[in-house]
Amino acid sequence: MGIEWLRPGAFFSSILFALIGVVVFWVSFVIIDKITPYDLWAEIVEKQNKALGMVVAAMCLGISIIVAAAIHGG
C-alpha cells in the first residue's frame, strides 16, 4: 500500500467520507429516536434502562456498519 494514503486527494476524500458517515449516522439515529414512542435519553440515562441501552448500542453498531460498507463500496 505504501504512502498512497498521504496524497492530498486521498486524505481529503477520506475526511469527507468520514464526515458524511457521521452525518448519516446522526440523522438516522435522530429519525429512530423520533419514531420510538418514548424518549430514549430519559429511559437510558434517567431510568437506567440497561436493556434499552443495549438495544440502542446494537442499533448504533448496525447503522455504523451499513454506513461504513456504503462508503467503502462506493
PDB file of N, CA and C in Angstrom:
ATOM      1  N   MET A   1       0.828  -1.187   0.000  1.00  0.00           N
ATOM      2  CA  MET A   1       0.000   0.000   0.000  1.00  0.00           C
ATOM      3  C   MET A   1       0.872   1.251   0.000  1.00  0.00           C
ATOM      4  N   GLY A   2       1.948   1.246   0.708  1.00  0.00           N
ATOM      5  CA  GLY A   2       2.868   2.366   0.670  1.00  0.00           C
ATOM      6  C   GLY A   2       2.312   3.620   1.304  1.00  0.00           C
ATOM      7  N   ILE A   3       2.693   4.747   0.714  1.00  0.00           N
ATOM      8  CA  ILE A   3       2.267   6.032   1.270  1.00  0.00           C
ATOM      9  C   ILE A   3       1.203   6.700   0.396  1.00  0.00           C
ATOM     10  N   GLU A   4       0.422   5.895  -0.330  1.00  0.00           N
ATOM     11  CA  GLU A   4      -0.615   6.459  -1.191  1.00  0.00           C
ATOM     12  C   GLU A   4      -1.650   7.236  -0.408  1.00  0.00           C
ATOM     13  N   TRP A   5      -1.906   6.816   0.820  1.00  0.00           N
ATOM     14  CA  TRP A   5      -2.947   7.484   1.613  1.00  0.00           C
ATOM     15  C   TRP A   5      -2.525   8.876   2.050  1.00  0.00           C
ATOM     16  N   LEU A   6      -1.249   9.218   1.871  1.00  0.00           N
ATOM     17  CA  LEU A   6      -0.780  10.556   2.217  1.00  0.00           C
ATOM     18  C   LEU A   6      -1.016  11.577   1.110  1.00  0.00           C
ATOM     19  N   ARG A   7      -1.433  11.112  -0.061  1.00  0.00           N
ATOM     20  CA  ARG A   7      -1.737  12.054  -1.138  1.00  0.00           C
ATOM     21  C   ARG A   7      -2.868  12.970  -0.696  1.00  0.00           C
ATOM     22  N   PRO A   8      -2.815  14.249  -1.037  1.00  0.00           N
ATOM     23  CA  PRO A   8      -3.863  15.177  -0.587  1.00  0.00           C
ATOM     24  C   PRO A   8      -5.265  14.775  -1.029  1.00  0.00           C
ATOM     25  N   GLY A   9      -5.415  14.282  -2.243  1.00  0.00           N
ATOM     26  CA  GLY A   9      -6.731  13.870  -2.726  1.00  0.00           C
ATOM     27  C   GLY A   9      -7.303  12.722  -1.914  1.00  0.00           C
ATOM     28  N   ALA A  10      -6.476  11.721  -1.643  1.00  0.00           N
ATOM     29  CA  ALA A  10      -6.933  10.573  -0.863  1.00  0.00           C
ATOM     30  C   ALA A  10      -7.215  10.976   0.581  1.00  0.00           C
ATOM     31  N   PHE A  11      -6.389  11.834   1.121  1.00  0.00           N
ATOM     32  CA  PHE A  11      -6.567  12.267   2.517  1.00  0.00           C
ATOM     33  C   PHE A  11      -7.873  13.041   2.681  1.00  0.00           C
ATOM     34  N   PHE A  12      -8.105  14.017   1.803  1.00  0.00           N
ATOM     35  CA  PHE A  12      -9.308  14.832   1.929  1.00  0.00           C
ATOM     36  C   PHE A  12     -10.574  14.055   1.592  1.00  0.00           C
ATOM     37  N   SER A  13     -10.491  13.115   0.669  1.00  0.00           N
ATOM     38  CA  SER A  13     -11.677  12.297   0.386  1.00  0.00           C
ATOM     39  C   SER A  13     -11.988  11.390   1.572  1.00  0.00           C
ATOM     40  N   SER A  14     -10.967  10.911   2.276  1.00  0.00           N
ATOM     41  CA  SER A  14     -11.207  10.113   3.480  1.00  0.00           C
ATOM     42  C   SER A  14     -11.880  10.946   4.565  1.00  0.00           C
ATOM     43  N   ILE A  15     -11.425  12.172   4.740  1.00  0.00           N
ATOM     44  CA  ILE A  15     -12.054  13.071   5.719  1.00  0.00           C
ATOM     45  C   ILE A  15     -13.498  13.360   5.318  1.00  0.00           C
ATOM     46  N   LEU A  16     -13.739  13.607   4.037  1.00  0.00           N
ATOM     47  CA  LEU A  16     -15.092  13.886   3.558  1.00  0.00           C
ATOM     48  C   LEU A  16     -16.012  12.688   3.776  1.00  0.00           C
ATOM     49  N   PHE A  17     -15.547  11.487   3.447  1.00  0.00           N
ATOM     50  CA  PHE A  17     -16.361  10.293   3.648  1.00  0.00           C
ATOM     51  C   PHE A  17     -16.638  10.059   5.129  1.00  0.00           C
ATOM     52  N   ALA A  18     -15.670  10.334   5.978  1.00  0.00           N
ATOM     53  CA  ALA A  18     -15.884  10.179   7.419  1.00  0.00           C
ATOM     54  C   ALA A  18     -16.950  11.157   7.910  1.00  0.00           C
ATOM     55  N   LEU A  19     -16.889  12.400   7.454  1.00  0.00           N
ATOM     56  CA  LEU A  19     -17.901  13.390   7.847  1.00  0.00           C
ATOM     57  C   LEU A  19     -19.284  13.008   7.332  1.00  0.00           C
ATOM     58  N   ILE A  20     -19.354  12.544   6.095  1.00  0.00           N
ATOM     59  CA  ILE A  20     -20.637  12.099   5.543  1.00  0.00           C
ATOM     60  C   ILE A  20     -21.178  10.922   6.350  1.00  0.00           C
ATOM     61  N   GLY A  21     -20.308  10.001   6.727  1.00  0.00           N
ATOM     62  CA  GLY A  21     -20.731   8.856   7.530  1.00  0.00           C
ATOM     63  C   GLY A  21     -21.284   9.263   8.877  1.00  0.00           C
ATOM     64  N   VAL A  22     -20.629  10.221   9.519  1.00  0.00           N
ATOM     65  CA  VAL A  22     -21.101  10.699  10.824  1.00  0.00           C
ATOM     66  C   VAL A  22     -22.448  11.395  10.685  1.00  0.00           C
ATOM     67  N   VAL A  23     -22.603  12.190   9.644  1.00  0.00           N
ATOM     68  CA  VAL A  23     -23.876  12.895   9.434  1.00  0.00           C
ATOM     69  C   VAL A  23     -25.000  11.901   9.150  1.00  0.00           C
ATOM     70  N   VAL A  24     -24.747  10.916   8.302  1.00  0.00           N
ATOM     71  CA  VAL A  24     -25.768   9.909   8.001  1.00  0.00           C
ATOM     72  C   VAL A  24     -26.129   9.124   9.262  1.00  0.00           C
ATOM     73  N   PHE A  25     -25.134   8.769  10.055  1.00  0.00           N
ATOM     74  CA  PHE A  25     -25.395   8.055  11.299  1.00  0.00           C
ATOM     75  C   PHE A  25     -26.233   8.915  12.239  1.00  0.00           C
ATOM     76  N   TRP A  26     -25.883  10.173  12.394  1.00  0.00           N
ATOM     77  CA  TRP A  26     -26.605  11.061  13.303  1.00  0.00           C
ATOM     78  C   TRP A  26     -28.051  11.250  12.860  1.00  0.00           C
ATOM     79  N   VAL A  27     -28.258  11.469  11.566  1.00  0.00           N
ATOM     80  CA  VAL A  27     -29.612  11.663  11.043  1.00  0.00           C
ATOM     81  C   VAL A  27     -30.458  10.401  11.235  1.00  0.00           C
ATOM     82  N   SER A  28     -29.878   9.243  10.951  1.00  0.00           N
ATOM     83  CA  SER A  28     -30.640   8.002  11.136  1.00  0.00           C
ATOM     84  C   SER A  28     -30.954   7.762  12.610  1.00  0.00           C
ATOM     85  N   PHE A  29     -30.052   8.111  13.507  1.00  0.00           N
ATOM     86  CA  PHE A  29     -30.328   7.955  14.940  1.00  0.00           C
ATOM     87  C   PHE A  29     -31.440   8.893  15.384  1.00  0.00           C
ATOM     88  N   VAL A  30     -31.431  10.126  14.897  1.00  0.00           N
ATOM     89  CA  VAL A  30     -32.485  11.080  15.248  1.00  0.00           C
ATOM     90  C   VAL A  30     -33.835  10.592  14.729  1.00  0.00           C
ATOM     91  N   ILE A  31     -33.872  10.051  13.525  1.00  0.00           N
ATOM     92  CA  ILE A  31     -35.121   9.525  12.971  1.00  0.00           C
ATOM     93  C   ILE A  31     -35.637   8.369  13.826  1.00  0.00           C
ATOM     94  N   ILE A  32     -34.753   7.463  14.210  1.00  0.00           N
ATOM     95  CA  ILE A  32     -35.169   6.339  15.047  1.00  0.00           C
ATOM     96  C   ILE A  32     -35.632   6.819  16.412  1.00  0.00           C
ATOM     97  N   ASP A  33     -34.973   7.835  16.948  1.00  0.00           N
ATOM     98  CA  ASP A  33     -35.391   8.396  18.230  1.00  0.00           C
ATOM     99  C   ASP A  33     -36.779   9.017  18.126  1.00  0.00           C
ATOM    100  N   LYS A  34     -37.071   9.646  16.993  1.00  0.00           N
ATOM    101  CA  LYS A  34     -38.380  10.284  16.811  1.00  0.00           C
ATOM    102  C   LYS A  34     -39.504   9.265  16.621  1.00  0.00           C
ATOM    103  N   ILE A  35     -39.223   8.115  16.007  1.00  0.00           N
ATOM    104  CA  ILE A  35     -40.297   7.156  15.749  1.00  0.00           C
ATOM    105  C   ILE A  35     -40.554   6.224  16.930  1.00  0.00           C
ATOM    106  N   THR A  36     -39.677   6.216  17.907  1.00  0.00           N
ATOM    107  CA  THR A  36     -39.944   5.411  19.095  1.00  0.00           C
ATOM    108  C   THR A  36     -40.956   6.142  19.972  1.00  0.00           C
ATOM    109  N   PRO A  37     -41.800   5.375  20.694  1.00  0.00           N
ATOM    110  CA  PRO A  37     -42.872   6.019  21.463  1.00  0.00           C
ATOM    111  C   PRO A  37     -42.415   6.675  22.769  1.00  0.00           C
ATOM    112  N   TYR A  38     -41.154   6.611  23.108  1.00  0.00           N
ATOM    113  CA  TYR A  38     -40.659   7.190  24.353  1.00  0.00           C
ATOM    114  C   TYR A  38     -39.339   7.901  24.104  1.00  0.00           C
ATOM    115  N   ASP A  39     -38.913   8.672  25.071  1.00  0.00           N
ATOM    116  CA  ASP A  39     -37.665   9.422  24.965  1.00  0.00           C
ATOM    117  C   ASP A  39     -36.495   8.497  25.302  1.00  0.00           C
ATOM    118  N   LEU A  40     -35.666   8.200  24.317  1.00  0.00           N
ATOM    119  CA  LEU A  40     -34.556   7.266  24.538  1.00  0.00           C
ATOM    120  C   LEU A  40     -33.599   7.768  25.618  1.00  0.00           C
ATOM    121  N   TRP A  41     -33.292   9.049  25.602  1.00  0.00           N
ATOM    122  CA  TRP A  41     -32.339   9.598  26.559  1.00  0.00           C
ATOM    123  C   TRP A  41     -32.853   9.454  27.987  1.00  0.00           C
ATOM    124  N   ALA A  42     -34.122   9.784  28.215  1.00  0.00           N
ATOM    125  CA  ALA A  42     -34.691   9.682  29.564  1.00  0.00           C
ATOM    126  C   ALA A  42     -34.745   8.233  30.024  1.00  0.00           C
ATOM    127  N   GLU A  43     -35.089   7.334  29.133  1.00  0.00           N
ATOM    128  CA  GLU A  43     -35.173   5.923  29.506  1.00  0.00           C
ATOM    129  C   GLU A  43     -33.797   5.356  29.864  1.00  0.00           C
ATOM    130  N   ILE A  44     -32.789   5.703  29.085  1.00  0.00           N
ATOM    131  CA  ILE A  44     -31.467   5.113  29.297  1.00  0.00           C
ATOM    132  C   ILE A  44     -30.735   5.783  30.449  1.00  0.00           C
ATOM    133  N   VAL A  45     -30.730   7.112  30.484  1.00  0.00           N
ATOM    134  CA  VAL A  45     -29.918   7.832  31.469  1.00  0.00           C
ATOM    135  C   VAL A  45     -30.646   7.992  32.795  1.00  0.00           C
ATOM    136  N   GLU A  46     -31.870   8.486  32.739  1.00  0.00           N
ATOM    137  CA  GLU A  46     -32.573   8.793  33.988  1.00  0.00           C
ATOM    138  C   GLU A  46     -33.165   7.548  34.658  1.00  0.00           C
ATOM    139  N   LYS A  47     -33.748   6.660  33.853  1.00  0.00           N
ATOM    140  CA  LYS A  47     -34.380   5.468  34.417  1.00  0.00           C
ATOM    141  C   LYS A  47     -33.440   4.261  34.463  1.00  0.00           C
ATOM    142  N   GLN A  48     -32.235   4.416  33.939  1.00  0.00           N
ATOM    143  CA  GLN A  48     -31.211   3.363  33.944  1.00  0.00           C
ATOM    144  C   GLN A  48     -31.703   2.063  33.294  1.00  0.00           C
ATOM    145  N   ASN A  49     -32.367   2.188  32.161  1.00  0.00           N
ATOM    146  CA  ASN A  49     -32.884   1.029  31.447  1.00  0.00           C
ATOM    147  C   ASN A  49     -31.740   0.386  30.659  1.00  0.00           C
ATOM    148  N   LYS A  50     -31.123  -0.625  31.248  1.00  0.00           N
ATOM    149  CA  LYS A  50     -29.946  -1.254  30.636  1.00  0.00           C
ATOM    150  C   LYS A  50     -30.301  -2.056  29.388  1.00  0.00           C
ATOM    151  N   ALA A  51     -31.471  -2.669  29.383  1.00  0.00           N
ATOM    152  CA  ALA A  51     -31.880  -3.442  28.207  1.00  0.00           C
ATOM    153  C   ALA A  51     -32.052  -2.523  26.992  1.00  0.00           C
ATOM    154  N   LEU A  52     -32.685  -1.396  27.192  1.00  0.00           N
ATOM    155  CA  LEU A  52     -32.849  -0.449  26.091  1.00  0.00           C
ATOM    156  C   LEU A  52     -31.502   0.119  25.665  1.00  0.00           C
ATOM    157  N   GLY A  53     -30.605   0.326  26.612  1.00  0.00           N
ATOM    158  CA  GLY A  53     -29.264   0.795  26.280  1.00  0.00           C
ATOM    159  C   GLY A  53     -28.529  -0.183  25.382  1.00  0.00           C
ATOM    160  N   MET A  54     -28.687  -1.471  25.657  1.00  0.00           N
ATOM    161  CA  MET A  54     -28.040  -2.487  24.817  1.00  0.00           C
ATOM    162  C   MET A  54     -28.675  -2.535  23.427  1.00  0.00           C
ATOM    163  N   VAL A  55     -29.988  -2.362  23.356  1.00  0.00           N
ATOM    164  CA  VAL A  55     -30.662  -2.346  22.061  1.00  0.00           C
ATOM    165  C   VAL A  55     -30.206  -1.139  21.240  1.00  0.00           C
ATOM    166  N   VAL A  56     -30.110   0.012  21.875  1.00  0.00           N
ATOM    167  CA  VAL A  56     -29.654   1.219  21.174  1.00  0.00           C
ATOM    168  C   VAL A  56     -28.194   1.063  20.746  1.00  0.00           C
ATOM    169  N   ALA A  57     -27.368   0.449  21.578  1.00  0.00           N
ATOM    170  CA  ALA A  57     -25.969   0.221  21.207  1.00  0.00           C
ATOM    171  C   ALA A  57     -25.876  -0.710  19.999  1.00  0.00           C
ATOM    172  N   ALA A  58     -26.686  -1.764  19.975  1.00  0.00           N
ATOM    173  CA  ALA A  58     -26.691  -2.671  18.826  1.00  0.00           C
ATOM    174  C   ALA A  58     -27.177  -1.953  17.569  1.00  0.00           C
ATOM    175  N   MET A  59     -28.184  -1.094  17.730  1.00  0.00           N
ATOM    176  CA  MET A  59     -28.687  -0.317  16.608  1.00  0.00           C
ATOM    177  C   MET A  59     -27.590   0.616  16.075  1.00  0.00           C
ATOM    178  N   CYS A  60     -26.860   1.252  16.974  1.00  0.00           N
ATOM    179  CA  CYS A  60     -25.769   2.146  16.564  1.00  0.00           C
ATOM    180  C   CYS A  60     -24.694   1.383  15.800  1.00  0.00           C
ATOM    181  N   LEU A  61     -24.346   0.204  16.279  1.00  0.00           N
ATOM    182  CA  LEU A  61     -23.349  -0.611  15.571  1.00  0.00           C
ATOM    183  C   LEU A  61     -23.858  -1.019  14.190  1.00  0.00           C
ATOM    184  N   GLY A  62     -25.118  -1.404  14.116  1.00  0.00           N
ATOM    185  CA  GLY A  62     -25.690  -1.799  12.829  1.00  0.00           C
ATOM    186  C   GLY A  62     -25.686  -0.660  11.829  1.00  0.00           C
ATOM    187  N   ILE A  63     -26.119   0.515  12.261  1.00  0.00           N
ATOM    188  CA  ILE A  63     -26.123   1.675  11.366  1.00  0.00           C
ATOM    189  C   ILE A  63     -24.698   2.021  10.952  1.00  0.00           C
ATOM    190  N   SER A  64     -23.760   1.941  11.892  1.00  0.00           N
ATOM    191  CA  SER A  64     -22.360   2.256  11.578  1.00  0.00           C
ATOM    192  C   SER A  64     -21.782   1.287  10.553  1.00  0.00           C
ATOM    193  N   ILE A  65     -22.107   0.013  10.686  1.00  0.00           N
ATOM    194  CA  ILE A  65     -21.614  -0.985   9.732  1.00  0.00           C
ATOM    195  C   ILE A  65     -22.196  -0.738   8.350  1.00  0.00           C
ATOM    196  N   ILE A  66     -23.484  -0.409   8.288  1.00  0.00           N
ATOM    197  CA  ILE A  66     -24.118  -0.128   7.000  1.00  0.00           C
ATOM    198  C   ILE A  66     -23.485   1.101   6.343  1.00  0.00           C
ATOM    199  N   VAL A  67     -23.275   2.162   7.125  1.00  0.00           N
ATOM    200  CA  VAL A  67     -22.672   3.379   6.569  1.00  0.00           C
ATOM    201  C   VAL A  67     -21.246   3.102   6.111  1.00  0.00           C
ATOM    202  N   ALA A  68     -20.482   2.355   6.894  1.00  0.00           N
ATOM    203  CA  ALA A  68     -19.106   2.042   6.508  1.00  0.00           C
ATOM    204  C   ALA A  68     -19.057   1.199   5.245  1.00  0.00           C
ATOM    205  N   ALA A  69     -19.963   0.234   5.124  1.00  0.00           N
ATOM    206  CA  ALA A  69     -19.998  -0.597   3.921  1.00  0.00           C
ATOM    207  C   ALA A  69     -20.401   0.222   2.697  1.00  0.00           C
ATOM    208  N   ALA A  70     -21.323   1.163   2.880  1.00  0.00           N
ATOM    209  CA  ALA A  70     -21.749   2.000   1.755  1.00  0.00           C
ATOM    210  C   ALA A  70     -20.617   2.912   1.308  1.00  0.00           C
ATOM    211  N   ILE A  71     -19.870   3.443   2.244  1.00  0.00           N
ATOM    212  CA  ILE A  71     -18.760   4.338   1.905  1.00  0.00           C
ATOM    213  C   ILE A  71     -17.607   3.531   1.286  1.00  0.00           C
ATOM    214  N   HIS A  72     -17.307   2.389   1.859  1.00  0.00           N
ATOM    215  CA  HIS A  72     -16.198   1.583   1.358  1.00  0.00           C
ATOM    216  C   HIS A  72     -16.508   1.013  -0.033  1.00  0.00           C
ATOM    217  N   GLY A  73     -17.766   0.648  -0.246  1.00  0.00           N
ATOM    218  CA  GLY A  73     -18.155   0.083  -1.531  1.00  0.00           C
ATOM    219  C   GLY A  73     -18.292   1.127  -2.635  1.00  0.00           C
ATOM    220  N   GLY A  74     -18.490   2.367  -2.218  1.00  0.00           N
ATOM    221  CA  GLY A  74     -18.716   3.431  -3.212  1.00  0.00           C
ATOM    222  C   GLY A  74     -17.479   4.045  -3.614  1.00  0.00           C
TER     223      GLY A  74
END
